[in-house]
Protein backbone atom coordinates (compact mmCIF):
# COMPACT_ATOMS: atom_id res chain seq x y z
CA MET A 1 -0.05 0.00 0.01
CA ASN A 2 1.41 3.44 -0.96
CA LEU A 3 0.77 6.54 1.20
CA ASN A 4 0.79 10.02 -0.09
CA LEU A 5 0.78 12.82 2.48
CA HIS A 6 1.37 15.77 0.11
CA GLY A 7 -1.16 18.38 0.80
CA LEU A 8 -1.78 17.39 4.38
CA ASP A 9 -2.61 20.41 6.38
CA LYS A 10 -0.95 22.72 3.84
CA GLN A 11 -0.93 26.47 4.49
CA VAL A 12 0.69 28.86 2.11
CA VAL A 13 1.32 32.57 2.52
CA THR A 14 2.71 35.14 0.25
CA PHE A 15 5.50 37.42 1.44
CA LYS A 16 7.72 39.96 -0.03
CA CYS A 17 11.08 38.37 -0.46
CA SER A 18 14.84 39.10 -0.70
CA SER A 19 16.65 38.70 -4.10
CA ASP A 20 18.51 35.57 -2.89
CA ILE A 21 15.27 33.61 -2.79
CA THR A 22 15.08 32.18 -6.32
CA SER A 23 13.63 28.83 -6.48
CA PRO A 24 11.21 26.23 -4.96
CA GLY A 25 12.49 24.23 -2.00
CA GLN A 26 14.52 26.89 -0.29
CA PHE A 27 14.10 27.41 3.47
CA VAL A 28 13.12 30.94 4.49
CA LYS A 29 12.97 32.89 7.67
CA MET A 30 11.39 36.16 8.60
CA GLY A 31 13.23 39.10 7.19
CA GLY A 32 11.14 41.89 8.48
CA SER A 33 7.46 42.86 8.65
CA ASN A 34 5.68 40.78 5.94
CA SER A 35 8.90 39.82 4.25
CA VAL A 36 11.28 36.64 4.17
CA LYS A 37 14.88 36.02 3.44
CA LEU A 38 16.91 32.90 2.87
CA CYS A 39 17.92 30.68 5.70
CA VAL A 40 21.57 29.97 6.48
CA SER A 41 23.32 27.52 8.75
CA GLY A 42 21.66 27.42 12.18
CA ASP A 43 18.57 29.38 11.29
CA GLU A 44 15.05 28.25 12.14
CA PRO A 45 13.04 28.21 8.98
CA ILE A 46 9.41 29.54 9.15
CA GLY A 47 8.70 27.57 5.92
CA VAL A 48 9.61 26.39 2.41
CA CYS A 49 9.34 28.57 -0.66
CA LEU A 50 6.98 27.08 -3.26
CA GLY A 51 7.56 29.72 -5.96
CA VAL A 52 8.95 33.24 -6.59
CA ARG A 53 7.62 36.07 -8.93
CA ASN A 54 8.09 39.82 -9.08
CA GLY A 55 9.75 40.08 -5.55
CA TYR A 56 7.16 37.86 -3.77
CA ALA A 57 7.41 34.29 -2.61
CA ALA A 58 4.68 31.72 -1.81
CA VAL A 59 5.85 30.13 1.30
CA GLN A 60 4.46 26.95 2.83
CA ILE A 61 4.27 27.65 6.51
CA ARG A 62 2.35 24.58 7.65
CA GLY A 63 1.78 21.05 6.48
CA TYR A 64 3.68 18.17 5.08
CA VAL A 65 6.90 18.69 3.00
CA GLU A 66 9.76 16.49 2.05
CA VAL A 67 13.17 17.96 2.60
CA LYS A 68 16.80 17.02 2.45
CA GLN A 69 18.42 16.04 5.67
CA ASN A 70 21.90 16.09 7.02
CA GLY A 71 22.78 13.44 9.61
CA THR A 72 20.34 11.27 11.52
CA ILE A 73 16.81 12.47 11.99
CA THR A 74 14.40 9.99 13.43
CA VAL A 75 10.65 9.61 13.12
CA GLY A 76 8.66 11.37 15.85
CA TYR A 77 9.22 14.86 17.26
CA ASN A 78 12.48 16.47 16.57
CA THR A 79 14.05 19.95 16.95
CA ILE A 80 15.68 21.18 13.74
CA SER A 81 17.64 23.95 12.15
CA ALA A 82 18.78 24.73 8.69
CA VAL A 83 22.26 23.52 7.42
CA THR A 84 21.73 25.35 4.09
CA ASP A 85 18.94 26.96 2.29
CA SER A 86 17.69 23.50 1.19
CA MET A 87 18.72 21.12 4.01
CA ILE A 88 17.92 20.66 7.65
CA LYS A 89 19.52 18.84 10.59
CA ARG A 90 18.54 17.63 13.99
CA ASP A 91 19.50 20.38 16.35
CA TYR A 92 19.12 19.80 20.05
CA ASP A 93 19.60 23.49 20.82
CA SER A 94 16.87 24.76 18.47
CA PRO A 95 13.34 25.58 19.86
CA LEU A 96 11.78 24.68 16.47
CA ARG A 97 10.08 21.32 16.90
CA VAL A 98 8.51 19.41 13.96
CA LEU A 99 6.94 16.05 13.58
CA VAL A 100 8.93 13.79 11.30
CA LEU A 101 6.73 11.24 9.57
CA TYR A 102 9.34 9.79 7.22
CA ALA A 103 13.13 9.69 7.34
CA LEU A 104 15.10 7.68 4.78
CA GLY A 105 17.90 8.00 2.28
CA GLY A 106 18.76 11.53 3.06
CA VAL A 107 15.01 12.71 2.86
CA ALA A 108 12.74 13.60 5.60
CA GLY A 109 9.06 14.09 5.43
CA ILE A 110 8.04 16.57 7.99
CA LEU A 111 4.94 18.45 9.31
CA LEU A 112 5.78 22.15 9.74
């Protein structure tokens, strides 16, 4: 039996964005009022960019996403942070807690 979680509890918001946000899959953080900027190592992402156009980004801030992982992330609740703008890691010092539903082969399926 195959299970597909894409679309589960998905919530998307449009923000103004910095010019370094260029493609879907990049992790973003708040950059100011109603704006986002790219995550760098150690940042706590608020969501994942789904698309960019004319200085605005559609950002998924809630719901199921599949992301690249660095190191070991186990299923269940984990605290995470960004490693790069497109990869997360388990980070015991981060307050950002997510539910990991899938973790295999360098990819984690998480609920934001």
